[in-house]
Amino acid sequence: MTQNTILLNFGFVNQKIKLLIMKKLYILALISLPVLGFSQDFSFDILNDTSVSTSVGADVSVDINIVNHTLDTIELRWQLMAEFASVPSWEDFICEGDDICWPTTQRSSDILVSPSEDFEIYHHIYAKTNDGEGVSVLCVYDANDSANTVICSSFYVNTAADTIHGFTSTGVAIIVVDGDTFEMIGGQYVPLGLEETANAFASSLSQNAPNPAKDITVINYQLASSNGTLKFHDLTGKLVKEITLNGKQGQYTLHGELESGIYFYSLWENGAMIDSKRMQVID
């Protein structure tokens, strides 16, 4: 066998090894794709209580870190929903870190969240005058991706002298006495946080299907009680449709009632928002 023949054979074997390595890398890449494709791009890291008892005139806030789970900078939008339910003259507003505090008229803003650091938001309620309860809903989403998840958080503020009566997000009666919170279980108030195992039926809201929707789309829901509503808002936060739900479990079908565009729809139970999703309607 000549030296040239040996070199040719060696080159052929080397080429086969390269092809085998490339094939294995390709298979590994295919295996990795579903994991990467279905991961959530961002999440909330809420650093303090979202239900606060305070005095009249206080400006209270929830500290929220928006966590970027990708390797790239992502563009998101925060939006204060239109249903800020409060006593007269109360206000809700957002501060982006320590540098920017928007007035209550600023209902949304685009933000850039880098992979190297969390983006800090302070969700405020200013209890200017009078006793009462204020509820403010903040949502964050990717404005450029109609199929992306909407993450929302409700912030509750109560002002009263000593004792406050109310309800949790699942409809359980609560009482706040001198800053300590209790819930009603079996006819007695116990420290908030103990689970009522007899009522473990969790409320939930599904993503509409199909999405984007053209003529017909279906939304499934589940309620812990029978007191629920489904609300639809446009991108400005305006309420465009509200449905009273009957029964603890079911589905609602849209039959072309909404014009083309992007909408939020949310499940409410006993006056509190349970979950929110985003849908797109096309012509």
C-alpha atoms as a PDB file:
ATOM      1  CA  MET A   1       0.000   0.000   0.000  1.00  0.00           C
ATOM      2  CA  THR A   2       1.484   3.355  -1.025  1.00  0.00           C
ATOM      3  CA  GLN A   3       1.811   6.378   1.251  1.00  0.00           C
ATOM      4  CA  ASN A   4      -0.833   8.269  -0.781  1.00  0.00           C
ATOM      5  CA  THR A   5      -3.305   5.401  -0.341  1.00  0.00           C
ATOM      6  CA  ILE A   6      -2.755   5.412   3.450  1.00  0.00           C
ATOM      7  CA  LEU A   7      -3.346   9.183   3.601  1.00  0.00           C
ATOM      8  CA  LEU A   8      -6.543   8.885   1.543  1.00  0.00           C
ATOM      9  CA  ASN A   9      -7.871   6.110   3.798  1.00  0.00           C
ATOM     10  CA  PHE A  10      -7.016   8.153   6.911  1.00  0.00           C
ATOM     11  CA  GLY A  11      -8.851  11.161   5.448  1.00  0.00           C
ATOM     12  CA  PHE A  12     -11.901   8.984   4.720  1.00  0.00           C
ATOM     13  CA  VAL A  13     -11.995   7.666   8.325  1.00  0.00           C
ATOM     14  CA  ASN A  14     -11.524  11.181   9.688  1.00  0.00           C
ATOM     15  CA  GLN A  15     -14.464  12.377   7.579  1.00  0.00           C
ATOM     16  CA  LYS A  16     -16.674   9.564   8.921  1.00  0.00           C
ATOM     17  CA  ILE A  17     -15.823  10.547  12.497  1.00  0.00           C
ATOM     18  CA  LYS A  18     -16.753  14.157  11.755  1.00  0.00           C
ATOM     19  CA  LEU A  19     -20.102  13.091  10.285  1.00  0.00           C
ATOM     20  CA  LEU A  20     -20.868  10.923  13.338  1.00  0.00           C
ATOM     21  CA  ILE A  21     -20.084  13.808  15.704  1.00  0.00           C
ATOM     22  CA  MET A  22     -22.242  16.223  13.679  1.00  0.00           C
ATOM     23  CA  LYS A  23     -25.108  13.711  13.665  1.00  0.00           C
ATOM     24  CA  LYS A  24     -24.969  13.347  17.465  1.00  0.00           C
ATOM     25  CA  LEU A  25     -24.900  17.120  17.945  1.00  0.00           C
ATOM     26  CA  TYR A  26     -27.900  17.475  15.625  1.00  0.00           C
ATOM     27  CA  ILE A  27     -29.866  14.875  17.619  1.00  0.00           C
ATOM     28  CA  LEU A  28     -28.998  16.616  20.908  1.00  0.00           C
ATOM     29  CA  ALA A  29     -30.160  19.915  19.449  1.00  0.00           C
ATOM     30  CA  LEU A  30     -33.508  18.408  18.430  1.00  0.00           C
ATOM     31  CA  ILE A  31     -33.960  16.939  21.898  1.00  0.00           C
ATOM     32  CA  SER A  32     -33.259  20.326  23.471  1.00  0.00           C
ATOM     33  CA  LEU A  33     -35.694  22.282  21.307  1.00  0.00           C
ATOM     34  CA  PRO A  34     -38.956  21.391  23.124  1.00  0.00           C
ATOM     35  CA  VAL A  35     -37.438  22.344  26.468  1.00  0.00           C
ATOM     36  CA  LEU A  36     -36.252  25.703  25.182  1.00  0.00           C
ATOM     37  CA  GLY A  37     -39.380  26.408  23.174  1.00  0.00           C
ATOM     38  CA  PHE A  38     -41.848  25.976  26.024  1.00  0.00           C
ATOM     39  CA  SER A  39     -39.904  27.725  28.770  1.00  0.00           C
ATOM     40  CA  GLN A  40     -41.396  30.933  30.177  1.00  0.00           C
ATOM     41  CA  ASP A  41     -39.436  34.037  29.178  1.00  0.00           C
ATOM     42  CA  PHE A  42     -40.060  35.984  32.400  1.00  0.00           C
ATOM     43  CA  SER A  43     -41.718  35.810  35.808  1.00  0.00           C
ATOM     44  CA  PHE A  44     -42.644  37.926  38.839  1.00  0.00           C
ATOM     45  CA  ASP A  45     -40.607  37.786  42.028  1.00  0.00           C
ATOM     46  CA  ILE A  46     -42.892  39.540  44.542  1.00  0.00           C
ATOM     47  CA  LEU A  47     -40.792  40.582  47.532  1.00  0.00           C
ATOM     48  CA  ASN A  48     -43.461  41.606  50.047  1.00  0.00           C
ATOM     49  CA  ASP A  49     -47.146  41.202  50.931  1.00  0.00           C
ATOM     50  CA  THR A  50     -49.716  42.042  48.248  1.00  0.00           C
ATOM     51  CA  SER A  51     -52.415  42.712  50.868  1.00  0.00           C
ATOM     52  CA  VAL A  52     -51.586  45.593  53.213  1.00  0.00           C
ATOM     53  CA  SER A  53     -53.407  47.244  56.121  1.00  0.00           C
ATOM     54  CA  THR A  54     -52.373  50.833  56.726  1.00  0.00           C
ATOM     55  CA  SER A  55     -53.548  54.247  57.840  1.00  0.00           C
ATOM     56  CA  VAL A  56     -55.354  56.896  55.799  1.00  0.00           C
ATOM     57  CA  GLY A  57     -52.934  59.100  53.853  1.00  0.00           C
ATOM     58  CA  ALA A  58     -50.281  56.393  53.441  1.00  0.00           C
ATOM     59  CA  ASP A  59     -48.486  55.629  50.194  1.00  0.00           C
ATOM     60  CA  VAL A  60     -47.818  51.866  50.241  1.00  0.00           C
ATOM     61  CA  SER A  61     -46.236  49.668  47.597  1.00  0.00           C
ATOM     62  CA  VAL A  62     -45.352  46.131  46.553  1.00  0.00           C
ATOM     63  CA  ASP A  63     -41.765  45.540  45.424  1.00  0.00           C
ATOM     64  CA  ILE A  64     -41.744  43.333  42.296  1.00  0.00           C
ATOM     65  CA  ASN A  65     -38.706  42.031  40.433  1.00  0.00           C
ATOM     66  CA  ILE A  66     -39.327  41.026  36.817  1.00  0.00           C
ATOM     67  CA  VAL A  67     -36.991  38.085  36.211  1.00  0.00           C
ATOM     68  CA  ASN A  68     -35.660  37.461  32.679  1.00  0.00           C
ATOM     69  CA  HIS A  69     -35.253  33.695  32.074  1.00  0.00           C
ATOM     70  CA  THR A  70     -33.664  34.063  28.632  1.00  0.00           C
ATOM     71  CA  LEU A  71     -30.103  34.770  27.524  1.00  0.00           C
ATOM     72  CA  ASP A  72     -31.131  37.929  25.654  1.00  0.00           C
ATOM     73  CA  THR A  73     -32.580  41.310  26.570  1.00  0.00           C
ATOM     74  CA  ILE A  74     -36.385  41.170  26.254  1.00  0.00           C
ATOM     75  CA  GLU A  75     -38.824  44.021  25.641  1.00  0.00           C
ATOM     76  CA  LEU A  76     -41.888  43.891  27.884  1.00  0.00           C
ATOM     77  CA  ARG A  77     -44.777  46.197  28.742  1.00  0.00           C
ATOM     78  CA  TRP A  78     -46.358  46.792  32.143  1.00  0.00           C
ATOM     79  CA  GLN A  79     -49.972  47.940  32.273  1.00  0.00           C
ATOM     80  CA  LEU A  80     -52.239  49.060  35.084  1.00  0.00           C
ATOM     81  CA  MET A  81     -55.725  47.713  34.390  1.00  0.00           C
ATOM     82  CA  ALA A  82     -58.673  50.104  34.292  1.00  0.00           C
ATOM     83  CA  GLU A  83     -60.560  48.524  37.159  1.00  0.00           C
ATOM     84  CA  PHE A  84     -58.788  50.258  39.998  1.00  0.00           C
ATOM     85  CA  ALA A  85     -61.598  49.783  42.566  1.00  0.00           C
ATOM     86  CA  SER A  86     -61.089  52.135  45.483  1.00  0.00           C
ATOM     87  CA  VAL A  87     -62.652  54.743  47.709  1.00  0.00           C
ATOM     88  CA  PRO A  88     -62.826  58.220  46.114  1.00  0.00           C
ATOM     89  CA  SER A  89     -59.550  60.118  45.559  1.00  0.00           C
ATOM     90  CA  TRP A  90     -57.253  57.082  45.988  1.00  0.00           C
ATOM     91  CA  GLU A  91     -54.599  56.589  43.300  1.00  0.00           C
ATOM     92  CA  ASP A  92     -52.452  53.770  41.915  1.00  0.00           C
ATOM     93  CA  PHE A  93     -49.161  54.312  40.084  1.00  0.00           C
ATOM     94  CA  ILE A  94     -45.893  52.601  39.122  1.00  0.00           C
ATOM     95  CA  CYS A  95     -42.261  53.414  39.872  1.00  0.00           C
ATOM     96  CA  GLU A  96     -39.549  51.835  37.719  1.00  0.00           C
ATOM     97  CA  GLY A  97     -36.655  51.342  40.133  1.00  0.00           C
ATOM     98  CA  ASP A  98     -35.559  54.414  42.106  1.00  0.00           C
ATOM     99  CA  ASP A  99     -35.374  56.786  39.130  1.00  0.00           C
ATOM    100  CA  ILE A 100     -38.813  56.944  37.470  1.00  0.00           C
ATOM    101  CA  CYS A 101     -42.174  57.321  39.224  1.00  0.00           C
ATOM    102  CA  TRP A 102     -45.004  57.724  36.734  1.00  0.00           C
ATOM    103  CA  PRO A 103     -48.141  59.783  37.530  1.00  0.00           C
ATOM    104  CA  THR A 104     -51.402  57.895  38.007  1.00  0.00           C
ATOM    105  CA  THR A 105     -52.425  58.917  34.449  1.00  0.00           C
ATOM    106  CA  GLN A 106     -49.569  56.776  33.004  1.00  0.00           C
ATOM    107  CA  ARG A 107     -51.282  53.388  32.613  1.00  0.00           C
ATOM    108  CA  SER A 108     -48.538  51.531  30.686  1.00  0.00           C
ATOM    109  CA  SER A 109     -44.867  51.696  29.698  1.00  0.00           C
ATOM    110  CA  ASP A 110     -42.407  49.626  27.647  1.00  0.00           C
ATOM    111  CA  ILE A 111     -39.343  48.326  29.508  1.00  0.00           C
ATOM    112  CA  LEU A 112     -36.166  46.449  28.592  1.00  0.00           C
ATOM    113  CA  VAL A 113     -35.154  43.602  30.926  1.00  0.00           C
ATOM    114  CA  SER A 114     -31.600  42.319  30.507  1.00  0.00           C
ATOM    115  CA  PRO A 115     -30.583  38.741  31.340  1.00  0.00           C
ATOM    116  CA  SER A 116     -27.921  39.912  33.783  1.00  0.00           C
ATOM    117  CA  GLU A 117     -30.187  41.736  36.255  1.00  0.00           C
ATOM    118  CA  ASP A 118     -33.794  41.782  37.426  1.00  0.00           C
ATOM    119  CA  PHE A 119     -35.999  44.769  36.597  1.00  0.00           C
ATOM    120  CA  GLU A 120     -37.473  46.334  39.748  1.00  0.00           C
ATOM    121  CA  ILE A 121     -41.004  47.782  39.824  1.00  0.00           C
ATOM    122  CA  TYR A 122     -42.825  49.367  42.768  1.00  0.00           C
ATOM    123  CA  HIS A 123     -46.605  48.981  42.495  1.00  0.00           C
ATOM    124  CA  HIS A 124     -48.154  51.796  44.577  1.00  0.00           C
ATOM    125  CA  ILE A 125     -51.549  52.609  46.065  1.00  0.00           C
ATOM    126  CA  TYR A 126     -51.857  56.050  47.647  1.00  0.00           C
ATOM    127  CA  ALA A 127     -54.701  55.999  50.212  1.00  0.00           C
ATOM    128  CA  LYS A 128     -55.227  59.764  50.120  1.00  0.00           C
ATOM    129  CA  THR A 129     -58.399  60.172  52.197  1.00  0.00           C
ATOM    130  CA  ASN A 130     -61.157  58.089  53.828  1.00  0.00           C
ATOM    131  CA  ASP A 131     -61.257  54.546  55.159  1.00  0.00           C
ATOM    132  CA  GLY A 132     -61.807  51.740  52.669  1.00  0.00           C
ATOM    133  CA  GLU A 133     -60.220  49.165  50.387  1.00  0.00           C
ATOM    134  CA  GLY A 134     -58.321  49.784  47.157  1.00  0.00           C
ATOM    135  CA  VAL A 135     -57.488  47.078  44.601  1.00  0.00           C
ATOM    136  CA  SER A 136     -55.021  47.708  41.771  1.00  0.00           C
ATOM    137  CA  VAL A 137     -54.145  45.164  39.052  1.00  0.00           C
ATOM    138  CA  LEU A 138     -50.745  45.229  37.304  1.00  0.00           C
ATOM    139  CA  CYS A 139     -50.072  43.067  34.222  1.00  0.00           C
ATOM    140  CA  VAL A 140     -46.801  42.473  32.346  1.00  0.00           C
ATOM    141  CA  TYR A 141     -46.523  40.958  28.863  1.00  0.00           C
ATOM    142  CA  ASP A 142     -44.530  40.912  25.642  1.00  0.00           C
ATOM    143  CA  ALA A 143     -46.254  43.480  23.432  1.00  0.00           C
ATOM    144  CA  ASN A 144     -44.689  42.016  20.280  1.00  0.00           C
ATOM    145  CA  ASP A 145     -45.876  38.430  20.836  1.00  0.00           C
ATOM    146  CA  SER A 146     -49.644  37.890  20.896  1.00  0.00           C
ATOM    147  CA  ALA A 147     -49.273  34.282  22.078  1.00  0.00           C
ATOM    148  CA  ASN A 148     -47.031  35.071  25.039  1.00  0.00           C
ATOM    149  CA  THR A 149     -48.147  34.688  28.654  1.00  0.00           C
ATOM    150  CA  VAL A 150     -49.631  37.617  30.553  1.00  0.00           C
ATOM    151  CA  ILE A 151     -48.590  37.742  34.230  1.00  0.00           C
ATOM    152  CA  CYS A 152     -50.799  39.804  36.534  1.00  0.00           C
ATOM    153  CA  SER A 153     -50.734  40.680  40.217  1.00  0.00           C
ATOM    154  CA  SER A 154     -53.498  42.233  42.351  1.00  0.00           C
ATOM    155  CA  PHE A 155     -52.480  44.649  45.125  1.00  0.00           C
ATOM    156  CA  TYR A 156     -54.931  45.235  47.991  1.00  0.00           C
ATOM    157  CA  VAL A 157     -54.790  48.083  50.518  1.00  0.00           C
ATOM    158  CA  ASN A 158     -57.123  48.400  53.516  1.00  0.00           C
ATOM    159  CA  THR A 159     -57.423  51.357  55.873  1.00  0.00           C
ATOM    160  CA  ALA A 160     -59.414  51.209  59.094  1.00  0.00           C
ATOM    161  CA  ALA A 161     -58.983  52.078  62.747  1.00  0.00           C
ATOM    162  CA  ASP A 162     -58.443  48.645  64.314  1.00  0.00           C
ATOM    163  CA  THR A 163     -60.514  45.909  62.629  1.00  0.00           C
ATOM    164  CA  ILE A 164     -61.032  45.130  58.937  1.00  0.00           C
ATOM    165  CA  HIS A 165     -63.335  42.506  57.441  1.00  0.00           C
ATOM    166  CA  GLY A 166     -62.839  41.206  53.915  1.00  0.00           C
ATOM    167  CA  PHE A 167     -62.230  38.187  51.696  1.00  0.00           C
ATOM    168  CA  THR A 168     -59.215  36.353  50.275  1.00  0.00           C
ATOM    169  CA  SER A 169     -58.805  35.906  46.506  1.00  0.00           C
ATOM    170  CA  THR A 170     -60.575  32.515  46.815  1.00  0.00           C
ATOM    171  CA  GLY A 171     -63.549  33.967  48.683  1.00  0.00           C
ATOM    172  CA  VAL A 172     -62.587  32.917  52.238  1.00  0.00           C
ATOM    173  CA  ALA A 173     -63.710  35.450  54.871  1.00  0.00           C
ATOM    174  CA  ILE A 174     -60.827  37.214  56.656  1.00  0.00           C
ATOM    175  CA  ILE A 175     -60.455  39.678  59.515  1.00  0.00           C
ATOM    176  CA  VAL A 176     -57.491  41.952  60.290  1.00  0.00           C
ATOM    177  CA  VAL A 177     -57.052  42.929  63.928  1.00  0.00           C
ATOM    178  CA  ASP A 178     -54.197  45.304  64.809  1.00  0.00           C
ATOM    179  CA  GLY A 179     -52.271  44.191  61.732  1.00  0.00           C
ATOM    180  CA  ASP A 180     -52.693  40.427  62.320  1.00  0.00           C
ATOM    181  CA  THR A 181     -54.706  38.584  59.647  1.00  0.00           C
ATOM    182  CA  PHE A 182     -57.047  35.649  60.306  1.00  0.00           C
ATOM    183  CA  GLU A 183     -59.329  33.596  58.056  1.00  0.00           C
ATOM    184  CA  MET A 184     -62.632  31.861  58.752  1.00  0.00           C
ATOM    185  CA  ILE A 185     -62.394  28.046  58.847  1.00  0.00           C
ATOM    186  CA  GLY A 186     -65.141  25.897  60.350  1.00  0.00           C
ATOM    187  CA  GLY A 187     -66.853  28.926  61.862  1.00  0.00           C
ATOM    188  CA  GLN A 188     -63.698  30.134  63.671  1.00  0.00           C
ATOM    189  CA  TYR A 189     -60.968  32.612  62.795  1.00  0.00           C
ATOM    190  CA  VAL A 190     -57.487  31.047  62.566  1.00  0.00           C
ATOM    191  CA  PRO A 191     -54.143  32.601  61.492  1.00  0.00           C
ATOM    192  CA  LEU A 192     -54.088  33.209  57.746  1.00  0.00           C
ATOM    193  CA  GLY A 193     -52.070  30.591  55.886  1.00  0.00           C
ATOM    194  CA  LEU A 194     -53.723  27.393  57.136  1.00  0.00           C
ATOM    195  CA  GLU A 195     -55.397  25.645  54.220  1.00  0.00           C
ATOM    196  CA  GLU A 196     -59.028  24.678  54.280  1.00  0.00           C
ATOM    197  CA  THR A 197     -58.645  21.145  52.890  1.00  0.00           C
ATOM    198  CA  ALA A 198     -62.390  20.703  52.494  1.00  0.00           C
ATOM    199  CA  ASN A 199     -62.393  23.477  49.868  1.00  0.00           C
ATOM    200  CA  ALA A 200     -59.307  22.534  47.855  1.00  0.00           C
ATOM    201  CA  PHE A 201     -61.110  23.057  44.531  1.00  0.00           C
ATOM    202  CA  ALA A 202     -58.762  25.482  42.782  1.00  0.00           C
ATOM    203  CA  SER A 203     -59.899  28.240  40.440  1.00  0.00           C
ATOM    204  CA  SER A 204     -58.261  28.380  37.017  1.00  0.00           C
ATOM    205  CA  LEU A 205     -58.530  29.930  33.556  1.00  0.00           C
ATOM    206  CA  SER A 206     -57.413  28.327  30.282  1.00  0.00           C
ATOM    207  CA  GLN A 207     -55.854  29.932  27.219  1.00  0.00           C
ATOM    208  CA  ASN A 208     -58.485  30.417  24.538  1.00  0.00           C
ATOM    209  CA  ALA A 209     -58.306  27.974  21.624  1.00  0.00           C
ATOM    210  CA  PRO A 210     -57.740  28.603  18.828  1.00  0.00           C
ATOM    211  CA  ASN A 211     -55.511  31.633  19.351  1.00  0.00           C
ATOM    212  CA  PRO A 212     -55.358  33.770  17.243  1.00  0.00           C
ATOM    213  CA  ALA A 213     -59.157  33.497  16.871  1.00  0.00           C
ATOM    214  CA  LYS A 214     -61.167  34.296  13.776  1.00  0.00           C
ATOM    215  CA  ASP A 215     -64.840  33.360  14.144  1.00  0.00           C
ATOM    216  CA  ILE A 216     -65.073  31.027  17.157  1.00  0.00           C
ATOM    217  CA  THR A 217     -62.786  30.474  20.152  1.00  0.00           C
ATOM    218  CA  VAL A 218     -63.370  28.618  23.431  1.00  0.00           C
ATOM    219  CA  ILE A 219     -62.289  29.538  26.995  1.00  0.00           C
ATOM    220  CA  ASN A 220     -62.463  26.939  29.777  1.00  0.00           C
ATOM    221  CA  TYR A 221     -62.706  27.993  33.424  1.00  0.00           C
ATOM    222  CA  GLN A 222     -62.945  26.517  36.897  1.00  0.00           C
ATOM    223  CA  LEU A 223     -64.198  28.269  40.059  1.00  0.00           C
ATOM    224  CA  ALA A 224     -63.914  27.496  43.763  1.00  0.00           C
ATOM    225  CA  SER A 225     -67.370  29.053  44.217  1.00  0.00           C
ATOM    226  CA  SER A 226     -70.258  29.841  41.873  1.00  0.00           C
ATOM    227  CA  ASN A 227     -69.718  33.601  41.978  1.00  0.00           C
ATOM    228  CA  GLY A 228     -67.572  34.321  38.910  1.00  0.00           C
ATOM    229  CA  THR A 229     -67.280  36.665  35.949  1.00  0.00           C
ATOM    230  CA  LEU A 230     -65.222  36.758  32.762  1.00  0.00           C
ATOM    231  CA  LYS A 231     -64.022  40.219  31.705  1.00  0.00           C
ATOM    232  CA  PHE A 232     -62.513  41.340  28.400  1.00  0.00           C
ATOM    233  CA  HIS A 233     -60.353  44.486  28.052  1.00  0.00           C
ATOM    234  CA  ASP A 234     -58.747  46.059  25.010  1.00  0.00           C
ATOM    235  CA  LEU A 235     -55.102  47.251  24.961  1.00  0.00           C
ATOM    236  CA  THR A 236     -56.088  50.611  26.519  1.00  0.00           C
ATOM    237  CA  GLY A 237     -57.517  48.802  29.555  1.00  0.00           C
ATOM    238  CA  LYS A 238     -61.124  49.592  28.567  1.00  0.00           C
ATOM    239  CA  LEU A 239     -63.693  46.958  29.589  1.00  0.00           C
ATOM    240  CA  VAL A 240     -65.380  45.847  26.352  1.00  0.00           C
ATOM    241  CA  LYS A 241     -67.279  42.746  27.476  1.00  0.00           C
ATOM    242  CA  GLU A 242     -68.293  41.124  30.784  1.00  0.00           C
ATOM    243  CA  ILE A 243     -69.881  37.689  31.224  1.00  0.00           C
ATOM    244  CA  THR A 244     -71.504  36.279  34.379  1.00  0.00           C
ATOM    245  CA  LEU A 245     -70.478  32.635  34.768  1.00  0.00           C
ATOM    246  CA  ASN A 246     -72.885  29.937  35.910  1.00  0.00           C
ATOM    247  CA  GLY A 247     -71.512  26.919  37.755  1.00  0.00           C
ATOM    248  CA  LYS A 248     -68.103  26.059  39.142  1.00  0.00           C
ATOM    249  CA  GLN A 249     -66.773  24.559  35.923  1.00  0.00           C
ATOM    250  CA  GLY A 250     -67.542  25.199  32.290  1.00  0.00           C
ATOM    251  CA  GLN A 251     -66.558  26.987  29.115  1.00  0.00           C
ATOM    252  CA  TYR A 252     -67.430  30.179  27.307  1.00  0.00           C
ATOM    253  CA  THR A 253     -67.476  30.400  23.511  1.00  0.00           C
ATOM    254  CA  LEU A 254     -66.894  33.646  21.646  1.00  0.00           C
ATOM    255  CA  HIS A 255     -68.801  33.815  18.346  1.00  0.00           C
ATOM    256  CA  GLY A 256     -67.146  36.778  16.631  1.00  0.00           C
ATOM    257  CA  GLU A 257     -68.376  39.379  19.150  1.00  0.00           C
ATOM    258  CA  LEU A 258     -65.017  41.194  19.287  1.00  0.00           C
ATOM    259  CA  GLU A 259     -63.387  43.265  16.565  1.00  0.00           C
ATOM    260  CA  SER A 260     -59.908  42.329  15.347  1.00  0.00           C
ATOM    261  CA  GLY A 261     -57.141  43.243  17.791  1.00  0.00           C
ATOM    262  CA  ILE A 262     -55.386  42.221  21.007  1.00  0.00           C
ATOM    263  CA  TYR A 263     -57.439  41.669  24.170  1.00  0.00           C
ATOM    264  CA  PHE A 264     -56.931  40.695  27.793  1.00  0.00           C
ATOM    265  CA  TYR A 265     -59.499  38.384  29.340  1.00  0.00           C
ATOM    266  CA  SER A 266     -59.568  37.678  33.071  1.00  0.00           C
ATOM    267  CA  LEU A 267     -61.408  35.429  35.511  1.00  0.00           C
ATOM    268  CA  TRP A 268     -62.858  37.133  38.586  1.00  0.00           C
ATOM    269  CA  GLU A 269     -64.290  35.437  41.676  1.00  0.00           C
ATOM    270  CA  ASN A 270     -65.909  37.152  44.673  1.00  0.00           C
ATOM    271  CA  GLY A 271     -64.576  40.510  43.514  1.00  0.00           C
ATOM    272  CA  ALA A 272     -60.933  39.383  43.080  1.00  0.00           C
ATOM    273  CA  MET A 273     -59.044  38.609  39.860  1.00  0.00           C
ATOM    274  CA  ILE A 274     -57.908  34.963  39.711  1.00  0.00           C
ATOM    275  CA  ASP A 275     -56.003  34.883  36.418  1.00  0.00           C
ATOM    276  CA  SER A 276     -55.598  36.752  33.137  1.00  0.00           C
ATOM    277  CA  LYS A 277     -54.691  35.728  29.581  1.00  0.00           C
ATOM    278  CA  ARG A 278     -54.119  37.496  26.287  1.00  0.00           C
ATOM    279  CA  MET A 279     -55.863  36.681  23.022  1.00  0.00           C
ATOM    280  CA  GLN A 280     -55.705  37.928  19.459  1.00  0.00           C
ATOM    281  CA  VAL A 281     -58.756  38.312  17.188  1.00  0.00           C
ATOM    282  CA  ILE A 282     -58.153  38.428  13.432  1.00  0.00           C
ATOM    283  CA  ASP A 283     -60.374  39.138  10.428  1.00  0.00           C
END
